[in-house]
Amino acid sequence: MAEWPLPTSERADMGIVDRLAHLQLEARRLGCAIRLRNVCSEVWELVELAGLDDVLPADD
């Protein structure tokens, strides 16, 4: 398992969700997966709004 924190200085926007979706796609191509941990509510709301909560799973 590897961990990379999202920069906290960035404002939560759809750009972050887009980057996460692209990273998940690349990870799956390599036989891996991304799982979000300690995701802030603003980012998670955007993930849900984009309909990607099943593609970008989060730990509770």
PDB file of N, CA and C in Angstrom:
ATOM      1  N   MET A   1       0.841  -1.166   0.000  1.00  0.00           N
ATOM      2  CA  MET A   1       0.000   0.000   0.000  1.00  0.00           C
ATOM      3  C   MET A   1       0.891   1.235   0.000  1.00  0.00           C
ATOM      4  N   ALA A   2       0.475   2.236  -0.733  1.00  0.00           N
ATOM      5  CA  ALA A   2       1.166   3.518  -0.762  1.00  0.00           C
ATOM      6  C   ALA A   2       0.147   4.613  -0.481  1.00  0.00           C
ATOM      7  N   GLU A   3       0.609   5.710   0.076  1.00  0.00           N
ATOM      8  CA  GLU A   3      -0.279   6.817   0.393  1.00  0.00           C
ATOM      9  C   GLU A   3       0.283   8.117  -0.146  1.00  0.00           C
ATOM     10  N   TRP A   4      -0.609   8.940  -0.703  1.00  0.00           N
ATOM     11  CA  TRP A   4      -0.249  10.277  -1.159  1.00  0.00           C
ATOM     12  C   TRP A   4      -1.323  11.231  -0.690  1.00  0.00           C
ATOM     13  N   PRO A   5      -0.976  12.196   0.120  1.00  0.00           N
ATOM     14  CA  PRO A   5      -1.995  13.171   0.542  1.00  0.00           C
ATOM     15  C   PRO A   5      -2.314  14.157  -0.570  1.00  0.00           C
ATOM     16  N   LEU A   6      -3.559  14.571  -0.633  1.00  0.00           N
ATOM     17  CA  LEU A   6      -3.929  15.632  -1.555  1.00  0.00           C
ATOM     18  C   LEU A   6      -3.442  16.948  -0.963  1.00  0.00           C
ATOM     19  N   PRO A   7      -2.959  17.837  -1.800  1.00  0.00           N
ATOM     20  CA  PRO A   7      -2.534  19.142  -1.272  1.00  0.00           C
ATOM     21  C   PRO A   7      -3.702  19.855  -0.607  1.00  0.00           C
ATOM     22  N   THR A   8      -3.493  20.303   0.615  1.00  0.00           N
ATOM     23  CA  THR A   8      -4.576  20.968   1.345  1.00  0.00           C
ATOM     24  C   THR A   8      -4.710  22.426   0.945  1.00  0.00           C
ATOM     25  N   SER A   9      -3.733  22.954   0.248  1.00  0.00           N
ATOM     26  CA  SER A   9      -3.802  24.356  -0.155  1.00  0.00           C
ATOM     27  C   SER A   9      -4.733  24.563  -1.345  1.00  0.00           C
ATOM     28  N   GLU A  10      -5.059  23.479  -2.044  1.00  0.00           N
ATOM     29  CA  GLU A  10      -5.948  23.602  -3.197  1.00  0.00           C
ATOM     30  C   GLU A  10      -7.400  23.662  -2.745  1.00  0.00           C
ATOM     31  N   ARG A  11      -8.167  24.472  -3.447  1.00  0.00           N
ATOM     32  CA  ARG A  11      -9.599  24.543  -3.193  1.00  0.00           C
ATOM     33  C   ARG A  11     -10.260  23.306  -3.787  1.00  0.00           C
ATOM     34  N   ALA A  12     -11.205  22.751  -3.077  1.00  0.00           N
ATOM     35  CA  ALA A  12     -11.917  21.576  -3.584  1.00  0.00           C
ATOM     36  C   ALA A  12     -12.725  21.980  -4.805  1.00  0.00           C
ATOM     37  N   ASP A  13     -12.415  21.369  -5.953  1.00  0.00           N
ATOM     38  CA  ASP A  13     -13.167  21.633  -7.171  1.00  0.00           C
ATOM     39  C   ASP A  13     -13.179  20.366  -8.019  1.00  0.00           C
ATOM     40  N   MET A  14     -13.864  20.442  -9.139  1.00  0.00           N
ATOM     41  CA  MET A  14     -13.991  19.266  -9.994  1.00  0.00           C
ATOM     42  C   MET A  14     -12.654  18.861 -10.611  1.00  0.00           C
ATOM     43  N   GLY A  15     -11.685  19.757 -10.634  1.00  0.00           N
ATOM     44  CA  GLY A  15     -10.354  19.412 -11.131  1.00  0.00           C
ATOM     45  C   GLY A  15      -9.716  18.318 -10.298  1.00  0.00           C
ATOM     46  N   ILE A  16      -9.909  18.381  -8.980  1.00  0.00           N
ATOM     47  CA  ILE A  16      -9.371  17.346  -8.092  1.00  0.00           C
ATOM     48  C   ILE A  16     -10.051  16.013  -8.387  1.00  0.00           C
ATOM     49  N   VAL A  17     -11.364  16.043  -8.556  1.00  0.00           N
ATOM     50  CA  VAL A  17     -12.113  14.818  -8.859  1.00  0.00           C
ATOM     51  C   VAL A  17     -11.660  14.245 -10.194  1.00  0.00           C
ATOM     52  N   ASP A  18     -11.467  15.106 -11.170  1.00  0.00           N
ATOM     53  CA  ASP A  18     -10.991  14.667 -12.483  1.00  0.00           C
ATOM     54  C   ASP A  18      -9.622  13.993 -12.362  1.00  0.00           C
ATOM     55  N   ARG A  19      -8.718  14.609 -11.612  1.00  0.00           N
ATOM     56  CA  ARG A  19      -7.385  14.002 -11.435  1.00  0.00           C
ATOM     57  C   ARG A  19      -7.461  12.661 -10.717  1.00  0.00           C
ATOM     58  N   LEU A  20      -8.312  12.577  -9.699  1.00  0.00           N
ATOM     59  CA  LEU A  20      -8.471  11.308  -8.988  1.00  0.00           C
ATOM     60  C   LEU A  20      -9.038  10.226  -9.910  1.00  0.00           C
ATOM     61  N   ALA A  21     -10.007  10.584 -10.734  1.00  0.00           N
ATOM     62  CA  ALA A  21     -10.592   9.614 -11.668  1.00  0.00           C
ATOM     63  C   ALA A  21      -9.546   9.128 -12.666  1.00  0.00           C
ATOM     64  N   HIS A  22      -8.731  10.041 -13.172  1.00  0.00           N
ATOM     65  CA  HIS A  22      -7.673   9.637 -14.102  1.00  0.00           C
ATOM     66  C   HIS A  22      -6.628   8.752 -13.411  1.00  0.00           C
ATOM     67  N   LEU A  23      -6.296   9.076 -12.186  1.00  0.00           N
ATOM     68  CA  LEU A  23      -5.351   8.236 -11.434  1.00  0.00           C
ATOM     69  C   LEU A  23      -5.931   6.844 -11.194  1.00  0.00           C
ATOM     70  N   GLN A  24      -7.227   6.779 -10.893  1.00  0.00           N
ATOM     71  CA  GLN A  24      -7.867   5.479 -10.688  1.00  0.00           C
ATOM     72  C   GLN A  24      -7.834   4.663 -11.974  1.00  0.00           C
ATOM     73  N   LEU A  25      -8.098   5.298 -13.090  1.00  0.00           N
ATOM     74  CA  LEU A  25      -8.063   4.611 -14.385  1.00  0.00           C
ATOM     75  C   LEU A  25      -6.673   4.042 -14.646  1.00  0.00           C
ATOM     76  N   GLU A  26      -5.660   4.846 -14.430  1.00  0.00           N
ATOM     77  CA  GLU A  26      -4.288   4.374 -14.645  1.00  0.00           C
ATOM     78  C   GLU A  26      -3.923   3.271 -13.658  1.00  0.00           C
ATOM     79  N   ALA A  27      -4.335   3.417 -12.410  1.00  0.00           N
ATOM     80  CA  ALA A  27      -4.053   2.378 -11.411  1.00  0.00           C
ATOM     81  C   ALA A  27      -4.693   1.054 -11.826  1.00  0.00           C
ATOM     82  N   ARG A  28      -5.912   1.102 -12.299  1.00  0.00           N
ATOM     83  CA  ARG A  28      -6.599  -0.133 -12.717  1.00  0.00           C
ATOM     84  C   ARG A  28      -5.930  -0.765 -13.930  1.00  0.00           C
ATOM     85  N   ARG A  29      -5.421   0.066 -14.819  1.00  0.00           N
ATOM     86  CA  ARG A  29      -4.680  -0.476 -15.975  1.00  0.00           C
ATOM     87  C   ARG A  29      -3.449  -1.252 -15.512  1.00  0.00           C
ATOM     88  N   LEU A  30      -2.901  -0.847 -14.380  1.00  0.00           N
ATOM     89  CA  LEU A  30      -1.712  -1.505 -13.824  1.00  0.00           C
ATOM     90  C   LEU A  30      -2.067  -2.626 -12.843  1.00  0.00           C
ATOM     91  N   GLY A  31      -3.350  -2.911 -12.695  1.00  0.00           N
ATOM     92  CA  GLY A  31      -3.787  -3.968 -11.797  1.00  0.00           C
ATOM     93  C   GLY A  31      -3.877  -3.538 -10.345  1.00  0.00           C
ATOM     94  N   CYS A  32      -3.963  -2.238 -10.107  1.00  0.00           N
ATOM     95  CA  CYS A  32      -4.039  -1.697  -8.748  1.00  0.00           C
ATOM     96  C   CYS A  32      -5.338  -0.909  -8.604  1.00  0.00           C
ATOM     97  N   ALA A  33      -5.506  -0.248  -7.484  1.00  0.00           N
ATOM     98  CA  ALA A  33      -6.692   0.574  -7.266  1.00  0.00           C
ATOM     99  C   ALA A  33      -6.367   1.669  -6.264  1.00  0.00           C
ATOM    100  N   ILE A  34      -7.140   2.728  -6.340  1.00  0.00           N
ATOM    101  CA  ILE A  34      -7.025   3.836  -5.396  1.00  0.00           C
ATOM    102  C   ILE A  34      -8.211   3.768  -4.447  1.00  0.00           C
ATOM    103  N   ARG A  35      -7.945   3.996  -3.193  1.00  0.00           N
ATOM    104  CA  ARG A  35      -8.980   4.058  -2.168  1.00  0.00           C
ATOM    105  C   ARG A  35      -8.748   5.348  -1.396  1.00  0.00           C
ATOM    106  N   LEU A  36      -9.775   6.161  -1.269  1.00  0.00           N
ATOM    107  CA  LEU A  36      -9.648   7.439  -0.579  1.00  0.00           C
ATOM    108  C   LEU A  36      -9.758   7.238   0.927  1.00  0.00           C
ATOM    109  N   ARG A  37      -8.863   7.908   1.646  1.00  0.00           N
ATOM    110  CA  ARG A  37      -8.882   7.836   3.112  1.00  0.00           C
ATOM    111  C   ARG A  37      -8.904   9.248   3.667  1.00  0.00           C
ATOM    112  N   ASN A  38      -9.650   9.438   4.727  1.00  0.00           N
ATOM    113  CA  ASN A  38      -9.730  10.739   5.404  1.00  0.00           C
ATOM    114  C   ASN A  38     -10.055  11.862   4.421  1.00  0.00           C
ATOM    115  N   VAL A  39     -10.933  11.575   3.485  1.00  0.00           N
ATOM    116  CA  VAL A  39     -11.298  12.569   2.470  1.00  0.00           C
ATOM    117  C   VAL A  39     -12.205  13.628   3.105  1.00  0.00           C
ATOM    118  N   CYS A  40     -11.924  14.889   2.807  1.00  0.00           N
ATOM    119  CA  CYS A  40     -12.729  15.965   3.385  1.00  0.00           C
ATOM    120  C   CYS A  40     -14.124  15.951   2.754  1.00  0.00           C
ATOM    121  N   SER A  41     -15.065  16.493   3.463  1.00  0.00           N
ATOM    122  CA  SER A  41     -16.459  16.440   3.017  1.00  0.00           C
ATOM    123  C   SER A  41     -16.666  17.178   1.692  1.00  0.00           C
ATOM    124  N   GLU A  42     -15.922  18.262   1.464  1.00  0.00           N
ATOM    125  CA  GLU A  42     -16.083  19.010   0.218  1.00  0.00           C
ATOM    126  C   GLU A  42     -15.692  18.167  -0.993  1.00  0.00           C
ATOM    127  N   VAL A  43     -14.570  17.455  -0.884  1.00  0.00           N
ATOM    128  CA  VAL A  43     -14.129  16.603  -1.994  1.00  0.00           C
ATOM    129  C   VAL A  43     -15.103  15.442  -2.171  1.00  0.00           C
ATOM    130  N   TRP A  44     -15.519  14.827  -1.078  1.00  0.00           N
ATOM    131  CA  TRP A  44     -16.430  13.688  -1.190  1.00  0.00           C
ATOM    132  C   TRP A  44     -17.756  14.104  -1.816  1.00  0.00           C
ATOM    133  N   GLU A  45     -18.261  15.277  -1.476  1.00  0.00           N
ATOM    134  CA  GLU A  45     -19.501  15.752  -2.084  1.00  0.00           C
ATOM    135  C   GLU A  45     -19.339  15.922  -3.594  1.00  0.00           C
ATOM    136  N   LEU A  46     -18.187  16.389  -4.035  1.00  0.00           N
ATOM    137  CA  LEU A  46     -17.928  16.534  -5.470  1.00  0.00           C
ATOM    138  C   LEU A  46     -17.808  15.169  -6.154  1.00  0.00           C
ATOM    139  N   VAL A  47     -17.195  14.213  -5.471  1.00  0.00           N
ATOM    140  CA  VAL A  47     -17.096  12.849  -6.014  1.00  0.00           C
ATOM    141  C   VAL A  47     -18.502  12.287  -6.210  1.00  0.00           C
ATOM    142  N   GLU A  48     -19.357  12.468  -5.209  1.00  0.00           N
ATOM    143  CA  GLU A  48     -20.740  11.993  -5.320  1.00  0.00           C
ATOM    144  C   GLU A  48     -21.504  12.745  -6.418  1.00  0.00           C
ATOM    145  N   LEU A  49     -21.322  14.053  -6.501  1.00  0.00           N
ATOM    146  CA  LEU A  49     -21.989  14.857  -7.517  1.00  0.00           C
ATOM    147  C   LEU A  49     -21.618  14.383  -8.920  1.00  0.00           C
ATOM    148  N   ALA A  50     -20.356  13.985  -9.086  1.00  0.00           N
ATOM    149  CA  ALA A  50     -19.886  13.490 -10.383  1.00  0.00           C
ATOM    150  C   ALA A  50     -20.330  12.050 -10.637  1.00  0.00           C
ATOM    151  N   GLY A  51     -20.919  11.416  -9.635  1.00  0.00           N
ATOM    152  CA  GLY A  51     -21.358  10.027  -9.790  1.00  0.00           C
ATOM    153  C   GLY A  51     -20.208   9.040  -9.782  1.00  0.00           C
ATOM    154  N   LEU A  52     -19.108   9.419  -9.136  1.00  0.00           N
ATOM    155  CA  LEU A  52     -17.918   8.567  -9.124  1.00  0.00           C
ATOM    156  C   LEU A  52     -17.664   7.898  -7.768  1.00  0.00           C
ATOM    157  N   ASP A  53     -18.657   7.920  -6.886  1.00  0.00           N
ATOM    158  CA  ASP A  53     -18.450   7.317  -5.570  1.00  0.00           C
ATOM    159  C   ASP A  53     -18.274   5.804  -5.639  1.00  0.00           C
ATOM    160  N   ASP A  54     -18.751   5.160  -6.712  1.00  0.00           N
ATOM    161  CA  ASP A  54     -18.495   3.733  -6.864  1.00  0.00           C
ATOM    162  C   ASP A  54     -17.149   3.468  -7.526  1.00  0.00           C
ATOM    163  N   VAL A  55     -16.613   4.450  -8.242  1.00  0.00           N
ATOM    164  CA  VAL A  55     -15.325   4.324  -8.909  1.00  0.00           C
ATOM    165  C   VAL A  55     -14.185   4.723  -7.979  1.00  0.00           C
ATOM    166  N   LEU A  56     -14.452   5.684  -7.105  1.00  0.00           N
ATOM    167  CA  LEU A  56     -13.460   6.172  -6.148  1.00  0.00           C
ATOM    168  C   LEU A  56     -13.948   5.856  -4.740  1.00  0.00           C
ATOM    169  N   PRO A  57     -13.814   4.603  -4.314  1.00  0.00           N
ATOM    170  CA  PRO A  57     -14.322   4.233  -2.991  1.00  0.00           C
ATOM    171  C   PRO A  57     -13.525   4.910  -1.882  1.00  0.00           C
ATOM    172  N   ALA A  58     -14.204   5.137  -0.765  1.00  0.00           N
ATOM    173  CA  ALA A  58     -13.570   5.768   0.388  1.00  0.00           C
ATOM    174  C   ALA A  58     -13.714   4.874   1.606  1.00  0.00           C
ATOM    175  N   ASP A  59     -12.674   4.891   2.433  1.00  0.00           N
ATOM    176  CA  ASP A  59     -12.761   4.218   3.727  1.00  0.00           C
ATOM    177  C   ASP A  59     -13.632   5.062   4.637  1.00  0.00           C
ATOM    178  N   ASP A  60     -14.443   4.414   5.419  1.00  0.00           N
ATOM    179  CA  ASP A  60     -15.303   5.158   6.358  1.00  0.00           C
ATOM    180  C   ASP A  60     -14.566   5.519   7.605  1.00  0.00           C
TER     181      ASP A  60
END
